[in-house]
Amino acid sequence: VLDGSRSTALVAGCAAHLLYEAGHLSADAATGLIARRLSPGTPVTEAAGFFEGFFSTAGQRLIYDEGLRGAVDAWLASLDEDAFIAHLPLLRRVFSHLDSMERRRLIEAVLG
């Protein structure tokens, strides 16, 4: 499911998140998987689906997990302006679950 072509990127992201939360996927393995699934060689819509599946209820993970945050940051930085703007609604949906304090912590973590 995680790397297979039979599942959608959204389902693969959700499955990866569930495995990570259950302790069946280590932090390093999750970071590596996310880096692969969000790599510049992956079509943007597929990468966005995986991102949404993994982080739709776990945006707060980016506050505390530097590896995950770095993988997402690298993906976002690799997007051209049009792709970034096209996926802003997705980013808004994913981060809408964060309360104001969590958003502030995430911004502080990103800005270092």
N, C-alpha and C. Protein backbone atom coordinates (compact mmCIF):
# COMPACT_ATOMS: atom_id res chain seq x y z
N VAL A 1 0.83 -1.20 0.00
CA VAL A 1 0.00 0.00 0.00
C VAL A 1 0.87 1.25 0.00
N LEU A 2 1.98 1.25 0.75
CA LEU A 2 2.80 2.45 0.86
C LEU A 2 3.49 2.83 -0.44
N ASP A 3 4.03 1.87 -1.14
CA ASP A 3 4.77 2.17 -2.37
C ASP A 3 4.16 1.53 -3.60
N GLY A 4 3.07 0.82 -3.43
CA GLY A 4 2.46 0.13 -4.56
C GLY A 4 1.70 1.06 -5.49
N SER A 5 1.60 0.65 -6.73
CA SER A 5 0.90 1.46 -7.71
C SER A 5 -0.60 1.21 -7.67
N ARG A 6 -1.05 0.25 -6.88
CA ARG A 6 -2.47 -0.06 -6.83
C ARG A 6 -3.26 0.87 -5.93
N SER A 7 -2.60 1.56 -5.05
CA SER A 7 -3.31 2.46 -4.14
C SER A 7 -3.07 3.90 -4.54
N THR A 8 -4.03 4.74 -4.20
CA THR A 8 -3.85 6.16 -4.49
C THR A 8 -2.84 6.75 -3.51
N ALA A 9 -2.29 7.87 -3.88
CA ALA A 9 -1.32 8.53 -3.01
C ALA A 9 -1.95 8.93 -1.69
N LEU A 10 -3.21 9.35 -1.72
CA LEU A 10 -3.91 9.73 -0.50
C LEU A 10 -4.02 8.55 0.46
N VAL A 11 -4.40 7.38 -0.07
CA VAL A 11 -4.52 6.17 0.76
C VAL A 11 -3.15 5.75 1.28
N ALA A 12 -2.13 5.82 0.43
CA ALA A 12 -0.78 5.46 0.86
C ALA A 12 -0.31 6.38 1.98
N GLY A 13 -0.59 7.68 1.87
CA GLY A 13 -0.21 8.63 2.92
C GLY A 13 -0.92 8.34 4.22
N CYS A 14 -2.20 8.03 4.13
CA CYS A 14 -2.98 7.70 5.33
C CYS A 14 -2.45 6.42 5.97
N ALA A 15 -2.15 5.41 5.16
CA ALA A 15 -1.61 4.15 5.68
C ALA A 15 -0.26 4.39 6.35
N ALA A 16 0.58 5.20 5.73
CA ALA A 16 1.89 5.49 6.32
C ALA A 16 1.73 6.19 7.66
N HIS A 17 0.80 7.13 7.74
CA HIS A 17 0.56 7.83 9.00
C HIS A 17 0.10 6.86 10.08
N LEU A 18 -0.82 5.97 9.75
CA LEU A 18 -1.32 5.00 10.73
C LEU A 18 -0.19 4.09 11.21
N LEU A 19 0.65 3.62 10.30
CA LEU A 19 1.78 2.78 10.68
C LEU A 19 2.77 3.54 11.56
N TYR A 20 2.99 4.79 11.24
CA TYR A 20 3.90 5.63 12.02
C TYR A 20 3.36 5.84 13.43
N GLU A 21 2.10 6.18 13.53
CA GLU A 21 1.49 6.41 14.85
C GLU A 21 1.45 5.15 15.69
N ALA A 22 1.30 4.00 15.05
CA ALA A 22 1.24 2.72 15.77
C ALA A 22 2.63 2.19 16.12
N GLY A 23 3.67 2.87 15.67
CA GLY A 23 5.03 2.44 15.97
C GLY A 23 5.57 1.38 15.04
N HIS A 24 4.88 1.11 13.94
CA HIS A 24 5.34 0.11 12.98
C HIS A 24 6.22 0.72 11.89
N LEU A 25 6.33 2.04 11.91
CA LEU A 25 7.19 2.77 10.98
C LEU A 25 7.99 3.75 11.81
N SER A 26 9.30 3.57 11.82
CA SER A 26 10.15 4.44 12.64
C SER A 26 10.15 5.86 12.09
N ALA A 27 10.62 6.79 12.90
CA ALA A 27 10.71 8.19 12.47
C ALA A 27 11.62 8.31 11.25
N ASP A 28 12.75 7.60 11.27
CA ASP A 28 13.67 7.65 10.13
C ASP A 28 13.03 7.06 8.87
N ALA A 29 12.33 5.94 9.04
CA ALA A 29 11.66 5.31 7.89
C ALA A 29 10.56 6.21 7.35
N ALA A 30 9.81 6.85 8.24
CA ALA A 30 8.75 7.76 7.82
C ALA A 30 9.33 8.95 7.07
N THR A 31 10.42 9.50 7.59
CA THR A 31 11.07 10.63 6.93
C THR A 31 11.56 10.23 5.54
N GLY A 32 12.17 9.07 5.44
CA GLY A 32 12.65 8.58 4.14
C GLY A 32 11.51 8.35 3.16
N LEU A 33 10.42 7.77 3.65
CA LEU A 33 9.27 7.52 2.81
C LEU A 33 8.67 8.84 2.31
N ILE A 34 8.52 9.78 3.21
CA ILE A 34 7.96 11.08 2.83
C ILE A 34 8.88 11.79 1.85
N ALA A 35 10.18 11.74 2.09
CA ALA A 35 11.13 12.36 1.17
C ALA A 35 11.01 11.75 -0.23
N ARG A 36 10.84 10.43 -0.31
CA ARG A 36 10.68 9.77 -1.61
C ARG A 36 9.36 10.15 -2.27
N ARG A 37 8.28 10.10 -1.49
CA ARG A 37 6.95 10.36 -2.05
C ARG A 37 6.75 11.83 -2.40
N LEU A 38 7.53 12.73 -1.79
CA LEU A 38 7.42 14.16 -2.09
C LEU A 38 8.61 14.65 -2.90
N SER A 39 9.35 13.74 -3.51
CA SER A 39 10.54 14.14 -4.26
C SER A 39 10.16 14.89 -5.53
N PRO A 40 11.07 15.71 -6.05
CA PRO A 40 10.78 16.46 -7.28
C PRO A 40 10.42 15.56 -8.47
N GLY A 41 10.84 14.31 -8.46
CA GLY A 41 10.51 13.39 -9.55
C GLY A 41 9.09 12.86 -9.50
N THR A 42 8.41 13.05 -8.38
CA THR A 42 7.03 12.60 -8.22
C THR A 42 6.09 13.67 -8.77
N PRO A 43 5.10 13.28 -9.57
CA PRO A 43 4.14 14.29 -10.04
C PRO A 43 3.53 15.05 -8.86
N VAL A 44 3.37 16.35 -9.03
CA VAL A 44 2.94 17.21 -7.92
C VAL A 44 1.61 16.76 -7.34
N THR A 45 0.65 16.38 -8.18
CA THR A 45 -0.66 15.98 -7.64
C THR A 45 -0.54 14.70 -6.82
N GLU A 46 0.33 13.79 -7.23
CA GLU A 46 0.55 12.56 -6.46
C GLU A 46 1.22 12.87 -5.13
N ALA A 47 2.24 13.72 -5.16
CA ALA A 47 2.92 14.12 -3.92
C ALA A 47 1.95 14.83 -2.98
N ALA A 48 1.11 15.69 -3.54
CA ALA A 48 0.14 16.42 -2.72
C ALA A 48 -0.86 15.46 -2.08
N GLY A 49 -1.28 14.43 -2.81
CA GLY A 49 -2.18 13.44 -2.24
C GLY A 49 -1.55 12.70 -1.08
N PHE A 50 -0.28 12.31 -1.24
CA PHE A 50 0.41 11.62 -0.16
C PHE A 50 0.54 12.54 1.05
N PHE A 51 0.93 13.78 0.80
CA PHE A 51 1.05 14.77 1.88
C PHE A 51 -0.27 14.91 2.64
N GLU A 52 -1.36 15.05 1.90
CA GLU A 52 -2.67 15.20 2.55
C GLU A 52 -3.02 13.95 3.35
N GLY A 53 -2.78 12.78 2.78
CA GLY A 53 -3.09 11.54 3.48
C GLY A 53 -2.30 11.39 4.78
N PHE A 54 -1.03 11.74 4.74
CA PHE A 54 -0.19 11.59 5.93
C PHE A 54 -0.49 12.65 6.98
N PHE A 55 -0.65 13.89 6.57
CA PHE A 55 -0.72 14.99 7.54
C PHE A 55 -2.13 15.54 7.80
N SER A 56 -3.16 14.98 7.17
CA SER A 56 -4.50 15.58 7.32
C SER A 56 -4.95 15.66 8.77
N THR A 57 -4.54 14.73 9.58
CA THR A 57 -4.88 14.80 11.02
C THR A 57 -3.63 14.83 11.89
N ALA A 58 -2.49 15.07 11.26
CA ALA A 58 -1.24 15.02 12.01
C ALA A 58 -0.31 16.18 11.69
N GLY A 59 -0.88 17.32 11.35
CA GLY A 59 -0.05 18.48 11.04
C GLY A 59 0.85 18.86 12.20
N GLN A 60 0.40 18.58 13.42
CA GLN A 60 1.21 18.92 14.60
C GLN A 60 2.51 18.12 14.64
N ARG A 61 2.59 17.01 13.92
CA ARG A 61 3.84 16.24 13.87
C ARG A 61 4.98 17.09 13.32
N LEU A 62 4.64 18.02 12.44
CA LEU A 62 5.67 18.87 11.84
C LEU A 62 6.29 19.82 12.85
N ILE A 63 5.60 20.07 13.94
CA ILE A 63 6.14 20.95 14.98
C ILE A 63 7.32 20.27 15.66
N TYR A 64 7.19 18.99 15.93
CA TYR A 64 8.14 18.28 16.79
C TYR A 64 9.13 17.40 16.04
N ASP A 65 8.84 17.04 14.80
CA ASP A 65 9.69 16.11 14.07
C ASP A 65 10.47 16.85 12.98
N GLU A 66 11.72 17.13 13.27
CA GLU A 66 12.56 17.91 12.36
C GLU A 66 12.75 17.22 11.01
N GLY A 67 12.84 15.90 11.03
CA GLY A 67 13.03 15.15 9.78
C GLY A 67 11.83 15.28 8.86
N LEU A 68 10.63 15.10 9.43
CA LEU A 68 9.41 15.25 8.63
C LEU A 68 9.29 16.68 8.11
N ARG A 69 9.56 17.63 8.98
CA ARG A 69 9.48 19.04 8.61
C ARG A 69 10.45 19.35 7.48
N GLY A 70 11.66 18.82 7.56
CA GLY A 70 12.65 19.04 6.52
C GLY A 70 12.22 18.45 5.17
N ALA A 71 11.63 17.25 5.20
CA ALA A 71 11.17 16.62 3.96
C ALA A 71 10.05 17.44 3.32
N VAL A 72 9.13 17.92 4.14
CA VAL A 72 8.02 18.74 3.63
C VAL A 72 8.56 20.07 3.12
N ASP A 73 9.48 20.66 3.86
CA ASP A 73 10.07 21.94 3.45
C ASP A 73 10.77 21.80 2.10
N ALA A 74 11.51 20.73 1.92
CA ALA A 74 12.21 20.50 0.65
C ALA A 74 11.22 20.36 -0.49
N TRP A 75 10.10 19.66 -0.25
CA TRP A 75 9.08 19.50 -1.29
C TRP A 75 8.47 20.85 -1.64
N LEU A 76 8.07 21.60 -0.63
CA LEU A 76 7.44 22.89 -0.89
C LEU A 76 8.40 23.83 -1.62
N ALA A 77 9.67 23.80 -1.24
CA ALA A 77 10.66 24.66 -1.90
C ALA A 77 10.90 24.25 -3.35
N SER A 78 10.64 22.98 -3.68
CA SER A 78 10.87 22.50 -5.04
C SER A 78 9.73 22.84 -5.99
N LEU A 79 8.58 23.23 -5.45
CA LEU A 79 7.42 23.54 -6.30
C LEU A 79 7.63 24.87 -7.01
N ASP A 80 7.21 24.91 -8.27
CA ASP A 80 7.24 26.21 -8.94
C ASP A 80 6.06 27.04 -8.42
N GLU A 81 6.06 28.30 -8.74
CA GLU A 81 5.07 29.22 -8.17
C GLU A 81 3.64 28.78 -8.49
N ASP A 82 3.38 28.37 -9.73
CA ASP A 82 2.02 27.97 -10.11
C ASP A 82 1.56 26.74 -9.34
N ALA A 83 2.44 25.75 -9.20
CA ALA A 83 2.08 24.54 -8.46
C ALA A 83 1.85 24.86 -6.99
N PHE A 84 2.69 25.71 -6.43
CA PHE A 84 2.52 26.09 -5.03
C PHE A 84 1.17 26.77 -4.82
N ILE A 85 0.85 27.72 -5.67
CA ILE A 85 -0.43 28.44 -5.55
C ILE A 85 -1.60 27.49 -5.75
N ALA A 86 -1.48 26.57 -6.70
CA ALA A 86 -2.56 25.62 -6.96
C ALA A 86 -2.83 24.71 -5.76
N HIS A 87 -1.81 24.47 -4.94
CA HIS A 87 -1.97 23.56 -3.80
C HIS A 87 -2.15 24.27 -2.46
N LEU A 88 -2.29 25.58 -2.49
CA LEU A 88 -2.54 26.31 -1.24
C LEU A 88 -3.82 25.84 -0.53
N PRO A 89 -4.92 25.55 -1.25
CA PRO A 89 -6.10 25.04 -0.54
C PRO A 89 -5.82 23.74 0.22
N LEU A 90 -5.00 22.87 -0.36
CA LEU A 90 -4.62 21.63 0.31
C LEU A 90 -3.85 21.93 1.59
N LEU A 91 -2.89 22.83 1.50
CA LEU A 91 -2.10 23.19 2.69
C LEU A 91 -3.01 23.80 3.76
N ARG A 92 -3.93 24.61 3.33
CA ARG A 92 -4.87 25.21 4.29
C ARG A 92 -5.71 24.13 4.98
N ARG A 93 -6.20 23.15 4.20
CA ARG A 93 -6.99 22.06 4.80
C ARG A 93 -6.17 21.29 5.83
N VAL A 94 -4.94 20.95 5.46
CA VAL A 94 -4.09 20.15 6.35
C VAL A 94 -3.80 20.91 7.64
N PHE A 95 -3.48 22.19 7.52
CA PHE A 95 -3.10 22.95 8.70
C PHE A 95 -4.28 23.58 9.43
N SER A 96 -5.48 23.44 8.91
CA SER A 96 -6.66 24.01 9.57
C SER A 96 -6.96 23.31 10.90
N HIS A 97 -6.44 22.10 11.08
CA HIS A 97 -6.66 21.37 12.33
C HIS A 97 -5.78 21.88 13.47
N LEU A 98 -4.79 22.69 13.15
CA LEU A 98 -3.91 23.22 14.19
C LEU A 98 -4.58 24.42 14.86
N ASP A 99 -4.49 24.48 16.18
CA ASP A 99 -5.00 25.66 16.87
C ASP A 99 -3.97 26.78 16.75
N SER A 100 -4.30 27.96 17.25
CA SER A 100 -3.41 29.11 17.06
C SER A 100 -2.04 28.90 17.71
N MET A 101 -1.99 28.26 18.86
CA MET A 101 -0.71 28.00 19.53
C MET A 101 0.13 27.02 18.71
N GLU A 102 -0.51 25.98 18.17
CA GLU A 102 0.23 25.01 17.35
C GLU A 102 0.75 25.67 16.07
N ARG A 103 -0.07 26.53 15.46
CA ARG A 103 0.40 27.24 14.27
C ARG A 103 1.60 28.12 14.60
N ARG A 104 1.55 28.78 15.74
CA ARG A 104 2.68 29.62 16.16
C ARG A 104 3.93 28.77 16.37
N ARG A 105 3.77 27.62 17.03
CA ARG A 105 4.92 26.73 17.26
C ARG A 105 5.50 26.21 15.94
N LEU A 106 4.61 25.89 15.01
CA LEU A 106 5.07 25.41 13.71
C LEU A 106 5.85 26.51 12.98
N ILE A 107 5.33 27.72 12.99
CA ILE A 107 6.04 28.84 12.35
C ILE A 107 7.40 29.04 12.99
N GLU A 108 7.46 28.99 14.32
CA GLU A 108 8.74 29.14 15.02
C GLU A 108 9.70 28.02 14.65
N ALA A 109 9.18 26.79 14.55
CA ALA A 109 10.03 25.66 14.20
C ALA A 109 10.56 25.80 12.77
N VAL A 110 9.71 26.25 11.86
CA VAL A 110 10.13 26.42 10.47
C VAL A 110 11.17 27.53 10.34
N LEU A 111 10.95 28.61 11.04
CA LEU A 111 11.86 29.75 10.95
C LEU A 111 13.14 29.54 11.75
N GLY A 112 13.12 28.52 12.61
CA GLY A 112 14.31 28.15 13.37
C GLY A 112 14.59 29.06 14.48
